[in-house]
């Protein structure tokens, strides 16, 4: 089971990051799923590098509105 959880975490991390970067309403659920898979696999999730990128995305959206 730990191997499946590790594989799920490996797949969920980039998906959760992409949803966060896009500002999706589903980003929180994806992050929680990723953290649960990481916990089940006994691994520490990688920190998200996206907060500054999301701010840039929001600024671009505002500028183009």
PDB file of N, CA and C in Angstrom:
ATOM      1  N   UNK A   1       0.828  -1.198   0.000  1.00  0.00           N
ATOM      2  CA  UNK A   1       0.000   0.000   0.000  1.00  0.00           C
ATOM      3  C   UNK A   1       0.870   1.258   0.000  1.00  0.00           C
ATOM      4  N   UNK A   2       1.997   1.197   0.675  1.00  0.00           N
ATOM      5  CA  UNK A   2       2.875   2.367   0.726  1.00  0.00           C
ATOM      6  C   UNK A   2       3.391   2.720  -0.673  1.00  0.00           C
ATOM      7  N   UNK A   3       3.640   1.715  -1.494  1.00  0.00           N
ATOM      8  CA  UNK A   3       4.117   1.967  -2.861  1.00  0.00           C
ATOM      9  C   UNK A   3       3.049   2.691  -3.681  1.00  0.00           C
ATOM     10  N   UNK A   4       1.788   2.281  -3.526  1.00  0.00           N
ATOM     11  CA  UNK A   4       0.699   2.951  -4.248  1.00  0.00           C
ATOM     12  C   UNK A   4       0.522   4.385  -3.766  1.00  0.00           C
ATOM     13  N   UNK A   5       0.670   4.597  -2.462  1.00  0.00           N
ATOM     14  CA  UNK A   5       0.551   5.949  -1.914  1.00  0.00           C
ATOM     15  C   UNK A   5       1.681   6.837  -2.433  1.00  0.00           C
ATOM     16  N   UNK A   6       2.881   6.279  -2.541  1.00  0.00           N
ATOM     17  CA  UNK A   6       4.013   7.046  -3.071  1.00  0.00           C
ATOM     18  C   UNK A   6       3.774   7.417  -4.533  1.00  0.00           C
ATOM     19  N   UNK A   7       3.228   6.494  -5.310  1.00  0.00           N
ATOM     20  CA  UNK A   7       2.920   6.772  -6.712  1.00  0.00           C
ATOM     21  C   UNK A   7       1.823   7.836  -6.811  1.00  0.00           C
ATOM     22  N   UNK A   8       0.807   7.741  -5.964  1.00  0.00           N
ATOM     23  CA  UNK A   8      -0.261   8.755  -5.949  1.00  0.00           C
ATOM     24  C   UNK A   8       0.312  10.122  -5.606  1.00  0.00           C
ATOM     25  N   UNK A   9       1.192  10.174  -4.614  1.00  0.00           N
ATOM     26  CA  UNK A   9       1.808  11.448  -4.231  1.00  0.00           C
ATOM     27  C   UNK A   9       2.624  12.012  -5.382  1.00  0.00           C
ATOM     28  N   UNK A  10       3.355  11.154  -6.083  1.00  0.00           N
ATOM     29  CA  UNK A  10       4.181  11.591  -7.211  1.00  0.00           C
ATOM     30  C   UNK A  10       3.310  12.212  -8.311  1.00  0.00           C
ATOM     31  N   UNK A  11       2.141  11.653  -8.522  1.00  0.00           N
ATOM     32  CA  UNK A  11       1.239  12.163  -9.551  1.00  0.00           C
ATOM     33  C   UNK A  11       0.432  13.374  -9.083  1.00  0.00           C
ATOM     34  N   UNK A  12       0.085  13.392  -7.817  1.00  0.00           N
ATOM     35  CA  UNK A  12      -0.759  14.473  -7.297  1.00  0.00           C
ATOM     36  C   UNK A  12      -0.002  15.783  -7.089  1.00  0.00           C
ATOM     37  N   UNK A  13       1.283  15.718  -6.766  1.00  0.00           N
ATOM     38  CA  UNK A  13       2.016  16.957  -6.488  1.00  0.00           C
ATOM     39  C   UNK A  13       1.993  17.931  -7.664  1.00  0.00           C
ATOM     40  N   UNK A  14       2.352  17.516  -8.878  1.00  0.00           N
ATOM     41  CA  UNK A  14       2.295  18.490  -9.979  1.00  0.00           C
ATOM     42  C   UNK A  14       0.867  18.932 -10.311  1.00  0.00           C
ATOM     43  N   UNK A  15      -0.090  18.028 -10.155  1.00  0.00           N
ATOM     44  CA  UNK A  15      -1.483  18.400 -10.424  1.00  0.00           C
ATOM     45  C   UNK A  15      -1.959  19.452  -9.424  1.00  0.00           C
ATOM     46  N   UNK A  16      -1.646  19.243  -8.152  1.00  0.00           N
ATOM     47  CA  UNK A  16      -2.047  20.210  -7.128  1.00  0.00           C
ATOM     48  C   UNK A  16      -1.387  21.562  -7.369  1.00  0.00           C
ATOM     49  N   UNK A  17      -0.135  21.531  -7.767  1.00  0.00           N
ATOM     50  CA  UNK A  17       0.570  22.789  -8.058  1.00  0.00           C
ATOM     51  C   UNK A  17      -0.050  23.509  -9.249  1.00  0.00           C
ATOM     52  N   UNK A  18      -0.370  22.763 -10.289  1.00  0.00           N
ATOM     53  CA  UNK A  18      -0.970  23.381 -11.478  1.00  0.00           C
ATOM     54  C   UNK A  18      -2.314  24.014 -11.140  1.00  0.00           C
ATOM     55  N   UNK A  19      -3.135  23.307 -10.370  1.00  0.00           N
ATOM     56  CA  UNK A  19      -4.433  23.866  -9.981  1.00  0.00           C
ATOM     57  C   UNK A  19      -4.268  25.112  -9.128  1.00  0.00           C
ATOM     58  N   UNK A  20      -3.273  25.095  -8.251  1.00  0.00           N
ATOM     59  CA  UNK A  20      -3.011  26.274  -7.425  1.00  0.00           C
ATOM     60  C   UNK A  20      -2.567  27.447  -8.289  1.00  0.00           C
ATOM     61  N   UNK A  21      -1.681  27.161  -9.234  1.00  0.00           N
ATOM     62  CA  UNK A  21      -1.175  28.211 -10.111  1.00  0.00           C
ATOM     63  C   UNK A  21      -2.293  28.840 -10.945  1.00  0.00           C
ATOM     64  N   UNK A  22      -3.226  28.022 -11.351  1.00  0.00           N
ATOM     65  CA  UNK A  22      -4.347  28.515 -12.157  1.00  0.00           C
ATOM     66  C   UNK A  22      -5.419  29.200 -11.324  1.00  0.00           C
ATOM     67  N   UNK A  23      -5.297  29.097  -9.999  1.00  0.00           N
ATOM     68  CA  UNK A  23      -6.295  29.711  -9.136  1.00  0.00           C
ATOM     69  C   UNK A  23      -7.597  28.933  -9.107  1.00  0.00           C
ATOM     70  N   UNK A  24      -7.520  27.639  -9.336  1.00  0.00           N
ATOM     71  CA  UNK A  24      -8.713  26.802  -9.392  1.00  0.00           C
ATOM     72  C   UNK A  24      -9.372  26.673  -8.020  1.00  0.00           C
ATOM     73  N   UNK A  25     -10.679  26.558  -8.039  1.00  0.00           N
ATOM     74  CA  UNK A  25     -11.418  26.338  -6.795  1.00  0.00           C
ATOM     75  C   UNK A  25     -11.124  24.942  -6.238  1.00  0.00           C
ATOM     76  N   UNK A  26     -10.529  24.077  -7.039  1.00  0.00           N
ATOM     77  CA  UNK A  26     -10.227  22.709  -6.625  1.00  0.00           C
ATOM     78  C   UNK A  26      -8.810  22.553  -6.063  1.00  0.00           C
ATOM     79  N   UNK A  27      -8.047  23.630  -6.014  1.00  0.00           N
ATOM     80  CA  UNK A  27      -6.653  23.527  -5.586  1.00  0.00           C
ATOM     81  C   UNK A  27      -6.522  23.071  -4.135  1.00  0.00           C
ATOM     82  N   UNK A  28      -7.402  23.493  -3.266  1.00  0.00           N
ATOM     83  CA  UNK A  28      -7.317  23.100  -1.853  1.00  0.00           C
ATOM     84  C   UNK A  28      -7.569  21.604  -1.682  1.00  0.00           C
ATOM     85  N   UNK A  29      -8.555  21.074  -2.382  1.00  0.00           N
ATOM     86  CA  UNK A  29      -8.853  19.645  -2.300  1.00  0.00           C
ATOM     87  C   UNK A  29      -7.680  18.834  -2.853  1.00  0.00           C
ATOM     88  N   UNK A  30      -7.119  19.281  -3.965  1.00  0.00           N
ATOM     89  CA  UNK A  30      -5.971  18.577  -4.549  1.00  0.00           C
ATOM     90  C   UNK A  30      -4.780  18.605  -3.594  1.00  0.00           C
ATOM     91  N   UNK A  31      -4.556  19.735  -2.936  1.00  0.00           N
ATOM     92  CA  UNK A  31      -3.457  19.835  -1.976  1.00  0.00           C
ATOM     93  C   UNK A  31      -3.680  18.875  -0.818  1.00  0.00           C
ATOM     94  N   UNK A  32      -4.910  18.809  -0.323  1.00  0.00           N
ATOM     95  CA  UNK A  32      -5.218  17.897   0.781  1.00  0.00           C
ATOM     96  C   UNK A  32      -5.028  16.440   0.373  1.00  0.00           C
ATOM     97  N   UNK A  33      -5.447  16.095  -0.839  1.00  0.00           N
ATOM     98  CA  UNK A  33      -5.256  14.730  -1.327  1.00  0.00           C
ATOM     99  C   UNK A  33      -3.772  14.398  -1.435  1.00  0.00           C
ATOM    100  N   UNK A  34      -3.003  15.348  -1.914  1.00  0.00           N
ATOM    101  CA  UNK A  34      -1.559  15.156  -2.045  1.00  0.00           C
ATOM    102  C   UNK A  34      -0.926  14.955  -0.678  1.00  0.00           C
ATOM    103  N   UNK A  35      -1.297  15.781   0.290  1.00  0.00           N
ATOM    104  CA  UNK A  35      -0.755  15.640   1.644  1.00  0.00           C
ATOM    105  C   UNK A  35      -1.140  14.300   2.259  1.00  0.00           C
ATOM    106  N   UNK A  36      -2.364  13.835   2.008  1.00  0.00           N
ATOM    107  CA  UNK A  36      -2.800  12.539   2.533  1.00  0.00           C
ATOM    108  C   UNK A  36      -1.983  11.410   1.915  1.00  0.00           C
ATOM    109  N   UNK A  37      -1.758  11.480   0.602  1.00  0.00           N
ATOM    110  CA  UNK A  37      -0.957  10.445  -0.067  1.00  0.00           C
ATOM    111  C   UNK A  37       0.481  10.466   0.431  1.00  0.00           C
ATOM    112  N   UNK A  38       1.037  11.660   0.605  1.00  0.00           N
ATOM    113  CA  UNK A  38       2.400  11.773   1.124  1.00  0.00           C
ATOM    114  C   UNK A  38       2.486  11.195   2.536  1.00  0.00           C
ATOM    115  N   UNK A  39       1.494  11.490   3.350  1.00  0.00           N
ATOM    116  CA  UNK A  39       1.472  10.958   4.715  1.00  0.00           C
ATOM    117  C   UNK A  39       1.390   9.441   4.728  1.00  0.00           C
ATOM    118  N   UNK A  40       0.550   8.879   3.851  1.00  0.00           N
ATOM    119  CA  UNK A  40       0.411   7.424   3.781  1.00  0.00           C
ATOM    120  C   UNK A  40       1.690   6.770   3.267  1.00  0.00           C
ATOM    121  N   UNK A  41       2.421   7.482   2.417  1.00  0.00           N
ATOM    122  CA  UNK A  41       3.661   6.940   1.860  1.00  0.00           C
ATOM    123  C   UNK A  41       4.851   7.192   2.767  1.00  0.00           C
ATOM    124  N   UNK A  42       4.656   8.045   3.772  1.00  0.00           N
ATOM    125  CA  UNK A  42       5.754   8.370   4.678  1.00  0.00           C
ATOM    126  C   UNK A  42       6.785   9.295   4.066  1.00  0.00           C
ATOM    127  N   UNK A  43       6.322  10.167   3.142  1.00  0.00           N
ATOM    128  CA  UNK A  43       7.239  11.127   2.529  1.00  0.00           C
ATOM    129  C   UNK A  43       6.768  12.546   2.833  1.00  0.00           C
ATOM    130  N   UNK A  44       7.686  13.479   2.754  1.00  0.00           N
ATOM    131  CA  UNK A  44       7.378  14.889   3.013  1.00  0.00           C
ATOM    132  C   UNK A  44       7.088  15.546   1.667  1.00  0.00           C
ATOM    133  N   UNK A  45       5.923  16.204   1.534  1.00  0.00           N
ATOM    134  CA  UNK A  45       5.619  16.855   0.256  1.00  0.00           C
ATOM    135  C   UNK A  45       6.593  17.987  -0.014  1.00  0.00           C
ATOM    136  N   UNK A  46       6.889  18.175  -1.283  1.00  0.00           N
ATOM    137  CA  UNK A  46       7.768  19.275  -1.671  1.00  0.00           C
ATOM    138  C   UNK A  46       7.030  20.594  -1.464  1.00  0.00           C
ATOM    139  N   UNK A  47       7.731  21.625  -0.992  1.00  0.00           N
ATOM    140  CA  UNK A  47       7.060  22.922  -0.821  1.00  0.00           C
ATOM    141  C   UNK A  47       6.663  23.499  -2.174  1.00  0.00           C
ATOM    142  N   UNK A  48       5.554  24.184  -2.192  1.00  0.00           N
ATOM    143  CA  UNK A  48       5.056  24.752  -3.437  1.00  0.00           C
ATOM    144  C   UNK A  48       5.822  26.025  -3.789  1.00  0.00           C
ATOM    145  N   UNK A  49       6.357  26.105  -5.012  1.00  0.00           N
ATOM    146  CA  UNK A  49       7.061  27.313  -5.432  1.00  0.00           C
ATOM    147  C   UNK A  49       6.135  28.342  -6.067  1.00  0.00           C
ATOM    148  N   UNK A  50       4.822  28.149  -5.943  1.00  0.00           N
ATOM    149  CA  UNK A  50       3.893  28.928  -6.750  1.00  0.00           C
ATOM    150  C   UNK A  50       3.380  30.254  -6.203  1.00  0.00           C
ATOM    151  N   UNK A  51       3.450  30.568  -4.930  1.00  0.00           N
ATOM    152  CA  UNK A  51       2.786  31.802  -4.490  1.00  0.00           C
ATOM    153  C   UNK A  51       3.186  33.035  -5.284  1.00  0.00           C
ATOM    154  N   UNK A  52       4.446  33.203  -5.593  1.00  0.00           N
ATOM    155  CA  UNK A  52       4.858  34.380  -6.359  1.00  0.00           C
ATOM    156  C   UNK A  52       4.361  34.293  -7.793  1.00  0.00           C
ATOM    157  N   UNK A  53       4.291  33.090  -8.364  1.00  0.00           N
ATOM    158  CA  UNK A  53       3.804  32.930  -9.730  1.00  0.00           C
ATOM    159  C   UNK A  53       2.315  33.225  -9.801  1.00  0.00           C
ATOM    160  N   UNK A  54       1.586  32.822  -8.762  1.00  0.00           N
ATOM    161  CA  UNK A  54       0.146  33.096  -8.755  1.00  0.00           C
ATOM    162  C   UNK A  54      -0.096  34.597  -8.678  1.00  0.00           C
ATOM    163  N   UNK A  55       0.720  35.310  -7.897  1.00  0.00           N
ATOM    164  CA  UNK A  55       0.578  36.759  -7.809  1.00  0.00           C
ATOM    165  C   UNK A  55       0.823  37.401  -9.177  1.00  0.00           C
ATOM    166  N   UNK A  56       1.798  36.890  -9.919  1.00  0.00           N
ATOM    167  CA  UNK A  56       2.052  37.411 -11.256  1.00  0.00           C
ATOM    168  C   UNK A  56       0.881  37.130 -12.191  1.00  0.00           C
ATOM    169  N   UNK A  57       0.298  35.933 -12.079  1.00  0.00           N
ATOM    170  CA  UNK A  57      -0.856  35.567 -12.892  1.00  0.00           C
ATOM    171  C   UNK A  57      -2.041  36.485 -12.589  1.00  0.00           C
ATOM    172  N   UNK A  58      -2.283  36.734 -11.308  1.00  0.00           N
ATOM    173  CA  UNK A  58      -3.388  37.624 -10.934  1.00  0.00           C
ATOM    174  C   UNK A  58      -3.145  39.044 -11.435  1.00  0.00           C
ATOM    175  N   UNK A  59      -1.896  39.518 -11.360  1.00  0.00           N
ATOM    176  CA  UNK A  59      -1.576  40.854 -11.858  1.00  0.00           C
ATOM    177  C   UNK A  59      -1.798  40.939 -13.368  1.00  0.00           C
ATOM    178  N   UNK A  60      -1.432  39.873 -14.090  1.00  0.00           N
ATOM    179  CA  UNK A  60      -1.638  39.861 -15.540  1.00  0.00           C
ATOM    180  C   UNK A  60      -3.129  39.858 -15.868  1.00  0.00           C
ATOM    181  N   UNK A  61      -3.918  39.093 -15.123  1.00  0.00           N
ATOM    182  CA  UNK A  61      -5.363  39.062 -15.352  1.00  0.00           C
ATOM    183  C   UNK A  61      -5.962  40.444 -15.151  1.00  0.00           C
ATOM    184  N   UNK A  62      -5.533  41.122 -14.096  1.00  0.00           N
ATOM    185  CA  UNK A  62      -6.063  42.451 -13.780  1.00  0.00           C
ATOM    186  C   UNK A  62      -5.661  43.454 -14.873  1.00  0.00           C
ATOM    187  N   UNK A  63      -4.422  43.354 -15.333  1.00  0.00           N
ATOM    188  CA  UNK A  63      -3.937  44.272 -16.364  1.00  0.00           C
ATOM    189  C   UNK A  63      -4.666  44.078 -17.686  1.00  0.00           C
ATOM    190  N   UNK A  64      -5.070  42.849 -17.960  1.00  0.00           N
ATOM    191  CA  UNK A  64      -5.755  42.555 -19.233  1.00  0.00           C
ATOM    192  C   UNK A  64      -7.265  42.705 -19.150  1.00  0.00           C
ATOM    193  N   UNK A  65      -7.794  43.007 -17.977  1.00  0.00           N
ATOM    194  CA  UNK A  65      -9.251  43.111 -17.815  1.00  0.00           C
ATOM    195  C   UNK A  65      -9.799  44.410 -18.348  1.00  0.00           C
TER     196      UNK A  65
END
